[in-house]
Amino acid sequence: MRTDGWLGVELRHFAALQAVAEEGSFGRAAERLGYTQSAISQQIQVLERIVGQQLVERPGGPRRVSLTEAGELLLRHAAGIVARLQAAQADLAAFTEGSAGTLRVGTYQSVGARILPRLLREFTDAWPDVSVRLTESADDGGLLELVERGELDFSFVMLPVGDGPFETVELMRDPYVVVLPADSPLAGRPKPPSLREVAAMPLIGNRQCRSVHQIENRFRDAGLEPRIVFRSDDNGTIQELVAAGVGAALVPLLTVDPTHDGTAVLGLAGVPPRRIGVAWHRDRYRSPAARAFVDLARDVCTRVEGEQAGGAAAAA
């Protein structure tokens, strides 16, 4: 198969194809990339001529533009190439800034509430010329996509992560606990409840967090079906509903406010902890500030993990 003609493909052609696919319109794709609509149309036409396939369905009128099957196939390759270009751009910016500039960090709620305040305070003291820009999501899979595209320098994640160009380091292990109303008969019992006892309770669970799949699969592996009565990705909402008697919650300890007077927190035997880590693109340059942030995150998480273990021992 001759590929000489493909040497005429330019990055702007792939960027145009990606924008048209995501926006569903030549006009909106043009606005996003800073071109005129006719320029985007010409770039797609050139790309179609080079590859010898129609890539875009053009229904005309107000109907949404879509890709052909050939266009979808090519887009999978184009998206990866554009992502690598964005990552290269971010690398050079980080290299130029050195010990100054901005770190872009992905996070999720429990880390944001229990880890980041201490971490950011200590990091800012040590690196006063580096600002940290946070992006929060309940879905760490979406955060990893931003890492792959070079839009985040690294992200807090739940380990293990899926396939991708990532390197990870484990920061801490966060045990699962049962959160009950403070006046529950089980609250004062020294022995932790079994999975069977928990499965019989009305449960309040997370909606998007990957840890919810881990814990619910643990029930099903034991031949049990958890009775979920409500789902929320707001940790405070879950704990308040438990205090109100709506149900119990089976959640990682880091998501729980241990000072809440309306709830009691019990350990849970036989369920492995979730593993919290940080992930970055293995092919990207990491600035000294980025490496220092990860090292400090490991130190802070080790301290938090020790404090959680001490609190659990005192409660027992």
C-alpha atoms as a PDB file:
ATOM      1  CA  MET A   1       0.000   0.000   0.000  1.00  0.00           C
ATOM      2  CA  ARG A   2       1.439   3.372  -1.062  1.00  0.00           C
ATOM      3  CA  THR A   3       1.369   6.008   1.668  1.00  0.00           C
ATOM      4  CA  ASP A   4       3.352   8.794  -0.041  1.00  0.00           C
ATOM      5  CA  GLY A   5       0.213  10.865  -0.532  1.00  0.00           C
ATOM      6  CA  TRP A   6      -0.477  10.774   3.196  1.00  0.00           C
ATOM      7  CA  LEU A   7       2.619  12.896   3.760  1.00  0.00           C
ATOM      8  CA  GLY A   8       0.399  15.812   2.771  1.00  0.00           C
ATOM      9  CA  VAL A   9      -1.731  15.355   5.879  1.00  0.00           C
ATOM     10  CA  GLU A  10      -1.149  18.182   8.338  1.00  0.00           C
ATOM     11  CA  LEU A  11      -1.987  18.495  11.998  1.00  0.00           C
ATOM     12  CA  ARG A  12      -4.517  21.211  11.219  1.00  0.00           C
ATOM     13  CA  HIS A  13      -6.449  18.683   9.098  1.00  0.00           C
ATOM     14  CA  PHE A  14      -6.703  16.288  12.038  1.00  0.00           C
ATOM     15  CA  ALA A  15      -7.608  19.136  14.404  1.00  0.00           C
ATOM     16  CA  ALA A  16     -10.372  20.204  12.010  1.00  0.00           C
ATOM     17  CA  LEU A  17     -11.749  16.648  11.793  1.00  0.00           C
ATOM     18  CA  GLN A  18     -11.771  16.315  15.573  1.00  0.00           C
ATOM     19  CA  ALA A  19     -13.488  19.683  16.040  1.00  0.00           C
ATOM     20  CA  VAL A  20     -16.172  18.919  13.425  1.00  0.00           C
ATOM     21  CA  ALA A  21     -16.858  15.544  15.057  1.00  0.00           C
ATOM     22  CA  GLU A  22     -17.193  17.031  18.535  1.00  0.00           C
ATOM     23  CA  GLU A  23     -19.101  20.176  17.572  1.00  0.00           C
ATOM     24  CA  GLY A  24     -21.355  18.637  14.890  1.00  0.00           C
ATOM     25  CA  SER A  25     -21.047  21.791  12.830  1.00  0.00           C
ATOM     26  CA  PHE A  26     -18.473  23.373  10.520  1.00  0.00           C
ATOM     27  CA  GLY A  27     -19.355  26.794  11.934  1.00  0.00           C
ATOM     28  CA  ARG A  28     -18.846  25.858  15.583  1.00  0.00           C
ATOM     29  CA  ALA A  29     -15.669  23.948  14.703  1.00  0.00           C
ATOM     30  CA  ALA A  30     -14.365  27.105  13.015  1.00  0.00           C
ATOM     31  CA  GLU A  31     -15.142  29.235  16.086  1.00  0.00           C
ATOM     32  CA  ARG A  32     -13.383  26.745  18.339  1.00  0.00           C
ATOM     33  CA  LEU A  33     -10.194  26.659  16.242  1.00  0.00           C
ATOM     34  CA  GLY A  34     -10.149  30.323  15.259  1.00  0.00           C
ATOM     35  CA  TYR A  35     -10.672  29.750  11.519  1.00  0.00           C
ATOM     36  CA  THR A  36     -13.382  30.788   9.106  1.00  0.00           C
ATOM     37  CA  GLN A  37     -16.053  28.217   8.269  1.00  0.00           C
ATOM     38  CA  SER A  38     -14.830  28.007   4.672  1.00  0.00           C
ATOM     39  CA  ALA A  39     -11.288  27.263   5.884  1.00  0.00           C
ATOM     40  CA  ILE A  40     -12.539  24.337   7.975  1.00  0.00           C
ATOM     41  CA  SER A  41     -14.538  23.031   5.040  1.00  0.00           C
ATOM     42  CA  GLN A  42     -11.471  23.264   2.795  1.00  0.00           C
ATOM     43  CA  GLN A  43      -9.289  21.445   5.327  1.00  0.00           C
ATOM     44  CA  ILE A  44     -11.780  18.564   5.519  1.00  0.00           C
ATOM     45  CA  GLN A  45     -11.980  18.417   1.713  1.00  0.00           C
ATOM     46  CA  VAL A  46      -8.190  18.279   1.427  1.00  0.00           C
ATOM     47  CA  LEU A  47      -8.051  15.512   4.034  1.00  0.00           C
ATOM     48  CA  GLU A  48     -10.737  13.517   2.189  1.00  0.00           C
ATOM     49  CA  ARG A  49      -8.824  13.899  -1.084  1.00  0.00           C
ATOM     50  CA  ILE A  50      -5.562  12.712   0.507  1.00  0.00           C
ATOM     51  CA  VAL A  51      -7.036   9.625   2.194  1.00  0.00           C
ATOM     52  CA  GLY A  52      -9.383   8.825  -0.677  1.00  0.00           C
ATOM     53  CA  GLN A  53     -12.493   8.488   1.482  1.00  0.00           C
ATOM     54  CA  GLN A  54     -15.522  10.586   2.385  1.00  0.00           C
ATOM     55  CA  LEU A  55     -15.061  11.403   6.048  1.00  0.00           C
ATOM     56  CA  VAL A  56     -17.988  13.707   6.822  1.00  0.00           C
ATOM     57  CA  GLU A  57     -21.712  13.381   6.149  1.00  0.00           C
ATOM     58  CA  ARG A  58     -23.051  16.777   5.041  1.00  0.00           C
ATOM     59  CA  PRO A  59     -26.846  16.650   5.415  1.00  0.00           C
ATOM     60  CA  GLY A  60     -27.314  20.366   4.724  1.00  0.00           C
ATOM     61  CA  GLY A  61     -29.565  22.812   6.503  1.00  0.00           C
ATOM     62  CA  PRO A  62     -29.662  22.924  10.301  1.00  0.00           C
ATOM     63  CA  ARG A  63     -29.091  19.187  10.750  1.00  0.00           C
ATOM     64  CA  ARG A  64     -26.019  18.058  12.680  1.00  0.00           C
ATOM     65  CA  VAL A  65     -22.900  17.123  10.718  1.00  0.00           C
ATOM     66  CA  SER A  66     -21.562  13.648  11.505  1.00  0.00           C
ATOM     67  CA  LEU A  67     -18.642  11.454  10.504  1.00  0.00           C
ATOM     68  CA  THR A  68     -18.843   8.508   8.145  1.00  0.00           C
ATOM     69  CA  GLU A  69     -17.540   5.139   9.262  1.00  0.00           C
ATOM     70  CA  ALA A  70     -14.226   5.962   7.593  1.00  0.00           C
ATOM     71  CA  GLY A  71     -14.195   9.312   9.378  1.00  0.00           C
ATOM     72  CA  GLU A  72     -14.754   7.656  12.757  1.00  0.00           C
ATOM     73  CA  LEU A  73     -11.898   5.250  12.054  1.00  0.00           C
ATOM     74  CA  LEU A  74      -9.507   8.051  11.129  1.00  0.00           C
ATOM     75  CA  LEU A  75     -10.648  10.160  14.090  1.00  0.00           C
ATOM     76  CA  ARG A  76      -9.392   7.535  16.538  1.00  0.00           C
ATOM     77  CA  HIS A  77      -5.884   8.053  15.167  1.00  0.00           C
ATOM     78  CA  ALA A  78      -6.275  11.812  14.755  1.00  0.00           C
ATOM     79  CA  ALA A  79      -7.357  12.329  18.377  1.00  0.00           C
ATOM     80  CA  GLY A  80      -4.221  10.591  19.635  1.00  0.00           C
ATOM     81  CA  ILE A  81      -1.948  12.673  17.402  1.00  0.00           C
ATOM     82  CA  VAL A  82      -3.591  15.945  18.445  1.00  0.00           C
ATOM     83  CA  ALA A  83      -3.374  14.901  22.106  1.00  0.00           C
ATOM     84  CA  ARG A  84       0.364  14.278  21.762  1.00  0.00           C
ATOM     85  CA  LEU A  85       0.816  17.719  20.193  1.00  0.00           C
ATOM     86  CA  GLN A  86      -1.061  19.329  23.100  1.00  0.00           C
ATOM     87  CA  ALA A  87       1.084  17.373  25.537  1.00  0.00           C
ATOM     88  CA  ALA A  88       4.257  18.536  23.786  1.00  0.00           C
ATOM     89  CA  GLN A  89       3.056  22.140  24.004  1.00  0.00           C
ATOM     90  CA  ALA A  90       2.384  21.725  27.726  1.00  0.00           C
ATOM     91  CA  ASP A  91       5.814  20.110  28.230  1.00  0.00           C
ATOM     92  CA  LEU A  92       7.647  23.015  26.655  1.00  0.00           C
ATOM     93  CA  ALA A  93       5.649  25.486  28.738  1.00  0.00           C
ATOM     94  CA  ALA A  94       6.564  23.578  31.906  1.00  0.00           C
ATOM     95  CA  PHE A  95      10.221  23.359  30.857  1.00  0.00           C
ATOM     96  CA  THR A  96      10.341  27.101  30.176  1.00  0.00           C
ATOM     97  CA  GLU A  97       8.699  28.020  33.475  1.00  0.00           C
ATOM     98  CA  GLY A  98      11.031  25.830  35.566  1.00  0.00           C
ATOM     99  CA  SER A  99      10.378  26.446  39.242  1.00  0.00           C
ATOM    100  CA  ALA A 100       7.680  29.030  38.549  1.00  0.00           C
ATOM    101  CA  GLY A 101       4.404  28.913  36.654  1.00  0.00           C
ATOM    102  CA  THR A 102       1.321  26.772  37.152  1.00  0.00           C
ATOM    103  CA  LEU A 103       0.675  23.158  38.108  1.00  0.00           C
ATOM    104  CA  ARG A 104      -2.626  21.763  36.831  1.00  0.00           C
ATOM    105  CA  VAL A 105      -3.894  19.082  39.181  1.00  0.00           C
ATOM    106  CA  GLY A 106      -6.936  16.832  38.933  1.00  0.00           C
ATOM    107  CA  THR A 107      -8.696  15.840  42.121  1.00  0.00           C
ATOM    108  CA  TYR A 108     -11.916  14.427  43.540  1.00  0.00           C
ATOM    109  CA  GLN A 109     -14.035  15.371  46.509  1.00  0.00           C
ATOM    110  CA  SER A 110     -12.566  13.372  49.395  1.00  0.00           C
ATOM    111  CA  VAL A 111      -9.002  14.294  48.478  1.00  0.00           C
ATOM    112  CA  GLY A 112     -10.078  17.907  48.047  1.00  0.00           C
ATOM    113  CA  ALA A 113     -11.619  18.012  51.512  1.00  0.00           C
ATOM    114  CA  ARG A 114      -9.142  15.960  53.546  1.00  0.00           C
ATOM    115  CA  ILE A 115      -5.771  16.039  51.738  1.00  0.00           C
ATOM    116  CA  LEU A 116      -5.463  19.170  49.625  1.00  0.00           C
ATOM    117  CA  PRO A 117      -5.834  21.878  52.307  1.00  0.00           C
ATOM    118  CA  ARG A 118      -2.788  20.612  54.205  1.00  0.00           C
ATOM    119  CA  LEU A 119      -0.896  19.735  51.030  1.00  0.00           C
ATOM    120  CA  LEU A 120      -1.427  23.110  49.361  1.00  0.00           C
ATOM    121  CA  ARG A 121      -0.498  25.015  52.501  1.00  0.00           C
ATOM    122  CA  GLU A 122       2.816  23.187  52.807  1.00  0.00           C
ATOM    123  CA  PHE A 123       3.539  23.276  49.068  1.00  0.00           C
ATOM    124  CA  THR A 124       2.894  27.027  48.821  1.00  0.00           C
ATOM    125  CA  ASP A 125       5.309  27.637  51.696  1.00  0.00           C
ATOM    126  CA  ALA A 126       8.029  25.689  49.872  1.00  0.00           C
ATOM    127  CA  TRP A 127       7.246  26.857  46.299  1.00  0.00           C
ATOM    128  CA  PRO A 128       5.788  30.387  46.592  1.00  0.00           C
ATOM    129  CA  ASP A 129       6.233  31.175  42.871  1.00  0.00           C
ATOM    130  CA  VAL A 130       4.200  28.173  41.680  1.00  0.00           C
ATOM    131  CA  SER A 131       0.427  28.422  41.510  1.00  0.00           C
ATOM    132  CA  VAL A 132      -1.790  25.331  41.579  1.00  0.00           C
ATOM    133  CA  ARG A 133      -4.908  25.157  39.409  1.00  0.00           C
ATOM    134  CA  LEU A 134      -7.361  22.447  40.443  1.00  0.00           C
ATOM    135  CA  THR A 135      -9.894  20.534  38.354  1.00  0.00           C
ATOM    136  CA  GLU A 136     -12.390  18.423  40.312  1.00  0.00           C
ATOM    137  CA  SER A 137     -14.499  15.527  39.056  1.00  0.00           C
ATOM    138  CA  ALA A 138     -16.242  12.543  40.607  1.00  0.00           C
ATOM    139  CA  ASP A 139     -14.957  10.491  37.650  1.00  0.00           C
ATOM    140  CA  ASP A 140     -11.202   9.997  37.754  1.00  0.00           C
ATOM    141  CA  GLY A 141     -11.426   8.384  34.314  1.00  0.00           C
ATOM    142  CA  GLY A 142     -12.290  11.803  32.912  1.00  0.00           C
ATOM    143  CA  LEU A 143      -9.374  13.325  34.812  1.00  0.00           C
ATOM    144  CA  LEU A 144      -7.039  10.748  33.269  1.00  0.00           C
ATOM    145  CA  GLU A 145      -8.220  11.773  29.809  1.00  0.00           C
ATOM    146  CA  LEU A 146      -7.176  15.332  30.637  1.00  0.00           C
ATOM    147  CA  VAL A 147      -3.772  14.049  31.763  1.00  0.00           C
ATOM    148  CA  GLU A 148      -3.388  12.171  28.475  1.00  0.00           C
ATOM    149  CA  ARG A 149      -4.264  15.270  26.452  1.00  0.00           C
ATOM    150  CA  GLY A 150      -1.797  17.402  28.386  1.00  0.00           C
ATOM    151  CA  GLU A 151      -4.515  19.537  29.969  1.00  0.00           C
ATOM    152  CA  LEU A 152      -3.512  18.350  33.469  1.00  0.00           C
ATOM    153  CA  ASP A 153       0.015  17.763  34.729  1.00  0.00           C
ATOM    154  CA  PHE A 154      -1.180  14.946  36.983  1.00  0.00           C
ATOM    155  CA  SER A 155      -4.253  13.806  38.849  1.00  0.00           C
ATOM    156  CA  PHE A 156      -5.235  12.058  42.035  1.00  0.00           C
ATOM    157  CA  VAL A 157      -6.777   8.710  41.085  1.00  0.00           C
ATOM    158  CA  MET A 158      -8.017   5.455  42.538  1.00  0.00           C
ATOM    159  CA  LEU A 159      -5.573   2.650  41.738  1.00  0.00           C
ATOM    160  CA  PRO A 160      -5.204   0.694  39.608  1.00  0.00           C
ATOM    161  CA  VAL A 161      -5.888   2.859  36.564  1.00  0.00           C
ATOM    162  CA  GLY A 162      -6.925   1.515  33.167  1.00  0.00           C
ATOM    163  CA  ASP A 163      -4.829   1.275  30.028  1.00  0.00           C
ATOM    164  CA  GLY A 164      -3.072   4.418  28.913  1.00  0.00           C
ATOM    165  CA  PRO A 165       0.270   6.236  28.841  1.00  0.00           C
ATOM    166  CA  PHE A 166       0.375   6.670  32.615  1.00  0.00           C
ATOM    167  CA  GLU A 167       2.781   6.254  35.465  1.00  0.00           C
ATOM    168  CA  THR A 168       1.374   6.101  38.973  1.00  0.00           C
ATOM    169  CA  VAL A 169       2.507   6.129  42.569  1.00  0.00           C
ATOM    170  CA  GLU A 170       0.450   4.950  45.525  1.00  0.00           C
ATOM    171  CA  LEU A 171      -0.108   7.584  48.209  1.00  0.00           C
ATOM    172  CA  MET A 172      -2.230   5.843  50.827  1.00  0.00           C
ATOM    173  CA  ARG A 173      -4.764   3.106  51.550  1.00  0.00           C
ATOM    174  CA  ASP A 174      -8.208   4.212  52.621  1.00  0.00           C
ATOM    175  CA  PRO A 175     -10.333   1.586  54.455  1.00  0.00           C
ATOM    176  CA  TYR A 176     -14.051   1.166  53.857  1.00  0.00           C
ATOM    177  CA  VAL A 177     -16.307   1.849  56.838  1.00  0.00           C
ATOM    178  CA  VAL A 178     -19.992   1.626  57.684  1.00  0.00           C
ATOM    179  CA  VAL A 179     -21.587   4.934  58.676  1.00  0.00           C
ATOM    180  CA  LEU A 180     -24.702   4.571  60.858  1.00  0.00           C
ATOM    181  CA  PRO A 181     -27.019   6.946  62.710  1.00  0.00           C
ATOM    182  CA  ALA A 182     -25.508   7.687  66.118  1.00  0.00           C
ATOM    183  CA  ASP A 183     -28.511   6.072  67.869  1.00  0.00           C
ATOM    184  CA  SER A 184     -28.345   2.827  65.860  1.00  0.00           C
ATOM    185  CA  PRO A 185     -28.261  -0.339  68.046  1.00  0.00           C
ATOM    186  CA  LEU A 186     -25.194  -1.428  66.059  1.00  0.00           C
ATOM    187  CA  ALA A 187     -23.299   1.771  66.811  1.00  0.00           C
ATOM    188  CA  GLY A 188     -22.110   0.643  70.238  1.00  0.00           C
ATOM    189  CA  ARG A 189     -21.300  -2.923  69.290  1.00  0.00           C
ATOM    190  CA  PRO A 190     -17.572  -3.714  69.496  1.00  0.00           C
ATOM    191  CA  LYS A 191     -17.636  -6.250  66.665  1.00  0.00           C
ATOM    192  CA  PRO A 192     -17.842  -4.753  63.136  1.00  0.00           C
ATOM    193  CA  PRO A 193     -20.895  -5.770  61.091  1.00  0.00           C
ATOM    194  CA  SER A 194     -20.551  -8.475  58.464  1.00  0.00           C
ATOM    195  CA  LEU A 195     -21.227  -7.952  54.779  1.00  0.00           C
ATOM    196  CA  ARG A 196     -24.462  -9.926  55.174  1.00  0.00           C
ATOM    197  CA  GLU A 197     -25.634  -7.595  57.955  1.00  0.00           C
ATOM    198  CA  VAL A 198     -24.763  -4.537  55.877  1.00  0.00           C
ATOM    199  CA  ALA A 199     -26.506  -5.945  52.787  1.00  0.00           C
ATOM    200  CA  ALA A 200     -29.716  -6.186  54.803  1.00  0.00           C
ATOM    201  CA  MET A 201     -29.640  -2.464  55.604  1.00  0.00           C
ATOM    202  CA  PRO A 202     -31.027   0.301  53.381  1.00  0.00           C
ATOM    203  CA  LEU A 203     -27.849   1.809  51.941  1.00  0.00           C
ATOM    204  CA  ILE A 204     -26.901   5.222  50.606  1.00  0.00           C
ATOM    205  CA  GLY A 205     -24.143   5.006  48.010  1.00  0.00           C
ATOM    206  CA  ASN A 206     -22.122   6.958  45.518  1.00  0.00           C
ATOM    207  CA  ARG A 207     -23.199   7.381  41.933  1.00  0.00           C
ATOM    208  CA  GLN A 208     -20.102   7.894  39.735  1.00  0.00           C
ATOM    209  CA  CYS A 209     -17.072   7.193  41.911  1.00  0.00           C
ATOM    210  CA  ARG A 210     -15.209   4.049  40.797  1.00  0.00           C
ATOM    211  CA  SER A 211     -14.963   2.887  44.392  1.00  0.00           C
ATOM    212  CA  VAL A 212     -18.713   2.233  44.420  1.00  0.00           C
ATOM    213  CA  HIS A 213     -18.262  -0.492  41.792  1.00  0.00           C
ATOM    214  CA  GLN A 214     -15.443  -2.041  43.805  1.00  0.00           C
ATOM    215  CA  ILE A 215     -17.468  -2.313  46.993  1.00  0.00           C
ATOM    216  CA  GLU A 216     -20.731  -3.380  45.346  1.00  0.00           C
ATOM    217  CA  ASN A 217     -18.891  -6.093  43.410  1.00  0.00           C
ATOM    218  CA  ARG A 218     -17.563  -7.311  46.743  1.00  0.00           C
ATOM    219  CA  PHE A 219     -21.150  -7.909  47.876  1.00  0.00           C
ATOM    220  CA  ARG A 220     -22.025  -9.766  44.696  1.00  0.00           C
ATOM    221  CA  ASP A 221     -18.909 -11.941  44.923  1.00  0.00           C
ATOM    222  CA  ALA A 222     -20.292 -13.029  48.301  1.00  0.00           C
ATOM    223  CA  GLY A 223     -23.684 -13.825  46.777  1.00  0.00           C
ATOM    224  CA  LEU A 224     -25.324 -10.713  48.255  1.00  0.00           C
ATOM    225  CA  GLU A 225     -27.168  -7.831  46.612  1.00  0.00           C
ATOM    226  CA  PRO A 226     -26.823  -4.440  48.346  1.00  0.00           C
ATOM    227  CA  ARG A 227     -30.117  -2.600  48.903  1.00  0.00           C
ATOM    228  CA  ILE A 228     -29.330   0.889  47.595  1.00  0.00           C
ATOM    229  CA  VAL A 229     -32.083   3.404  48.414  1.00  0.00           C
ATOM    230  CA  PHE A 230     -30.305   6.586  47.293  1.00  0.00           C
ATOM    231  CA  ARG A 231     -27.151   7.640  45.475  1.00  0.00           C
ATOM    232  CA  SER A 232     -25.227  10.894  45.683  1.00  0.00           C
ATOM    233  CA  ASP A 233     -21.714  12.019  44.806  1.00  0.00           C
ATOM    234  CA  ASP A 234     -21.733  14.618  47.583  1.00  0.00           C
ATOM    235  CA  ASN A 235     -20.068  13.171  50.681  1.00  0.00           C
ATOM    236  CA  GLY A 236     -21.722  15.674  53.015  1.00  0.00           C
ATOM    237  CA  THR A 237     -25.161  14.796  51.666  1.00  0.00           C
ATOM    238  CA  ILE A 238     -24.561  11.096  52.245  1.00  0.00           C
ATOM    239  CA  GLN A 239     -23.514  11.614  55.857  1.00  0.00           C
ATOM    240  CA  GLU A 240     -26.420  13.965  56.611  1.00  0.00           C
ATOM    241  CA  LEU A 241     -28.905  11.458  55.195  1.00  0.00           C
ATOM    242  CA  VAL A 242     -27.402   8.756  57.371  1.00  0.00           C
ATOM    243  CA  ALA A 243     -27.777  11.034  60.420  1.00  0.00           C
ATOM    244  CA  ALA A 244     -31.420  11.574  59.436  1.00  0.00           C
ATOM    245  CA  GLY A 245     -32.052   7.825  59.475  1.00  0.00           C
ATOM    246  CA  VAL A 246     -32.551   7.337  55.729  1.00  0.00           C
ATOM    247  CA  GLY A 247     -30.044   4.501  55.655  1.00  0.00           C
ATOM    248  CA  ALA A 248     -26.489   3.448  56.336  1.00  0.00           C
ATOM    249  CA  ALA A 249     -23.524   4.202  54.097  1.00  0.00           C
ATOM    250  CA  LEU A 250     -20.650   1.963  53.073  1.00  0.00           C
ATOM    251  CA  VAL A 251     -17.942   4.404  52.033  1.00  0.00           C
ATOM    252  CA  PRO A 252     -14.169   5.009  52.222  1.00  0.00           C
ATOM    253  CA  LEU A 253     -13.100   6.520  55.540  1.00  0.00           C
ATOM    254  CA  LEU A 254     -11.589   9.582  53.857  1.00  0.00           C
ATOM    255  CA  THR A 255     -15.070  10.628  52.666  1.00  0.00           C
ATOM    256  CA  VAL A 256     -16.419  10.800  56.243  1.00  0.00           C
ATOM    257  CA  ASP A 257     -16.395  13.763  58.635  1.00  0.00           C
ATOM    258  CA  PRO A 258     -15.254  12.029  61.845  1.00  0.00           C
ATOM    259  CA  THR A 259     -16.498  14.922  64.035  1.00  0.00           C
ATOM    260  CA  HIS A 260     -20.142  14.616  62.914  1.00  0.00           C
ATOM    261  CA  ASP A 261     -22.265  14.152  66.056  1.00  0.00           C
ATOM    262  CA  GLY A 262     -25.193  12.511  64.259  1.00  0.00           C
ATOM    263  CA  THR A 263     -23.320   9.514  62.899  1.00  0.00           C
ATOM    264  CA  ALA A 264     -21.195   6.630  64.136  1.00  0.00           C
ATOM    265  CA  VAL A 265     -18.401   5.083  62.070  1.00  0.00           C
ATOM    266  CA  LEU A 266     -17.681   1.348  62.276  1.00  0.00           C
ATOM    267  CA  GLY A 267     -14.930  -0.688  60.672  1.00  0.00           C
ATOM    268  CA  LEU A 268     -15.743  -3.405  58.156  1.00  0.00           C
ATOM    269  CA  ALA A 269     -13.922  -6.714  58.009  1.00  0.00           C
ATOM    270  CA  GLY A 270     -13.112  -8.571  54.813  1.00  0.00           C
ATOM    271  CA  VAL A 271     -13.161  -5.614  52.407  1.00  0.00           C
ATOM    272  CA  PRO A 272      -9.819  -4.396  51.012  1.00  0.00           C
ATOM    273  CA  PRO A 273      -9.200  -0.634  51.194  1.00  0.00           C
ATOM    274  CA  ARG A 274      -9.291   1.610  48.184  1.00  0.00           C
ATOM    275  CA  ARG A 275      -5.833   2.653  47.016  1.00  0.00           C
ATOM    276  CA  ILE A 276      -5.358   6.362  46.418  1.00  0.00           C
ATOM    277  CA  GLY A 277      -2.574   7.441  44.099  1.00  0.00           C
ATOM    278  CA  VAL A 278      -1.478  10.059  41.631  1.00  0.00           C
ATOM    279  CA  ALA A 279      -0.997   9.555  37.883  1.00  0.00           C
ATOM    280  CA  TRP A 280       0.891  11.460  35.210  1.00  0.00           C
ATOM    281  CA  HIS A 281       1.733  10.995  31.525  1.00  0.00           C
ATOM    282  CA  ARG A 282       4.810   8.779  31.340  1.00  0.00           C
ATOM    283  CA  ASP A 283       6.145  10.508  28.195  1.00  0.00           C
ATOM    284  CA  ARG A 284       5.793  14.059  29.458  1.00  0.00           C
ATOM    285  CA  TYR A 285       8.406  16.254  31.061  1.00  0.00           C
ATOM    286  CA  ARG A 286       7.841  16.717  34.796  1.00  0.00           C
ATOM    287  CA  SER A 287       9.109  19.964  36.242  1.00  0.00           C
ATOM    288  CA  PRO A 288      10.951  20.076  39.587  1.00  0.00           C
ATOM    289  CA  ALA A 289       7.828  21.652  41.107  1.00  0.00           C
ATOM    290  CA  ALA A 290       5.638  18.790  39.824  1.00  0.00           C
ATOM    291  CA  ARG A 291       7.982  16.181  41.275  1.00  0.00           C
ATOM    292  CA  ALA A 292       8.106  18.065  44.584  1.00  0.00           C
ATOM    293  CA  PHE A 293       4.285  18.246  44.703  1.00  0.00           C
ATOM    294  CA  VAL A 294       3.967  14.473  44.283  1.00  0.00           C
ATOM    295  CA  ASP A 295       6.645  13.814  46.904  1.00  0.00           C
ATOM    296  CA  LEU A 296       4.885  16.112  49.360  1.00  0.00           C
ATOM    297  CA  ALA A 297       1.513  14.503  48.553  1.00  0.00           C
ATOM    298  CA  ARG A 298       2.988  11.134  49.491  1.00  0.00           C
ATOM    299  CA  ASP A 299       4.275  12.543  52.781  1.00  0.00           C
ATOM    300  CA  VAL A 300       0.977  14.229  53.658  1.00  0.00           C
ATOM    301  CA  CYS A 301      -1.035  11.118  52.777  1.00  0.00           C
ATOM    302  CA  THR A 302       1.236   8.961  54.937  1.00  0.00           C
ATOM    303  CA  ARG A 303       0.502  11.270  57.870  1.00  0.00           C
ATOM    304  CA  VAL A 304      -3.246  11.243  57.189  1.00  0.00           C
ATOM    305  CA  GLU A 305      -3.240   7.457  56.900  1.00  0.00           C
ATOM    306  CA  GLY A 306      -1.497   7.230  60.268  1.00  0.00           C
ATOM    307  CA  GLU A 307      -3.991   9.626  61.850  1.00  0.00           C
ATOM    308  CA  GLN A 308      -6.902   7.549  60.494  1.00  0.00           C
ATOM    309  CA  ALA A 309      -5.386   4.365  61.895  1.00  0.00           C
ATOM    310  CA  GLY A 310      -4.859   6.056  65.259  1.00  0.00           C
ATOM    311  CA  GLY A 311      -8.421   7.301  65.322  1.00  0.00           C
ATOM    312  CA  ALA A 312      -9.782   3.848  64.501  1.00  0.00           C
ATOM    313  CA  ALA A 313      -7.688   2.299  67.287  1.00  0.00           C
ATOM    314  CA  ALA A 314      -8.937   4.886  69.793  1.00  0.00           C
ATOM    315  CA  ALA A 315     -12.552   4.270  68.762  1.00  0.00           C
ATOM    316  CA  ALA A 316     -12.104   0.533  69.274  1.00  0.00           C
END
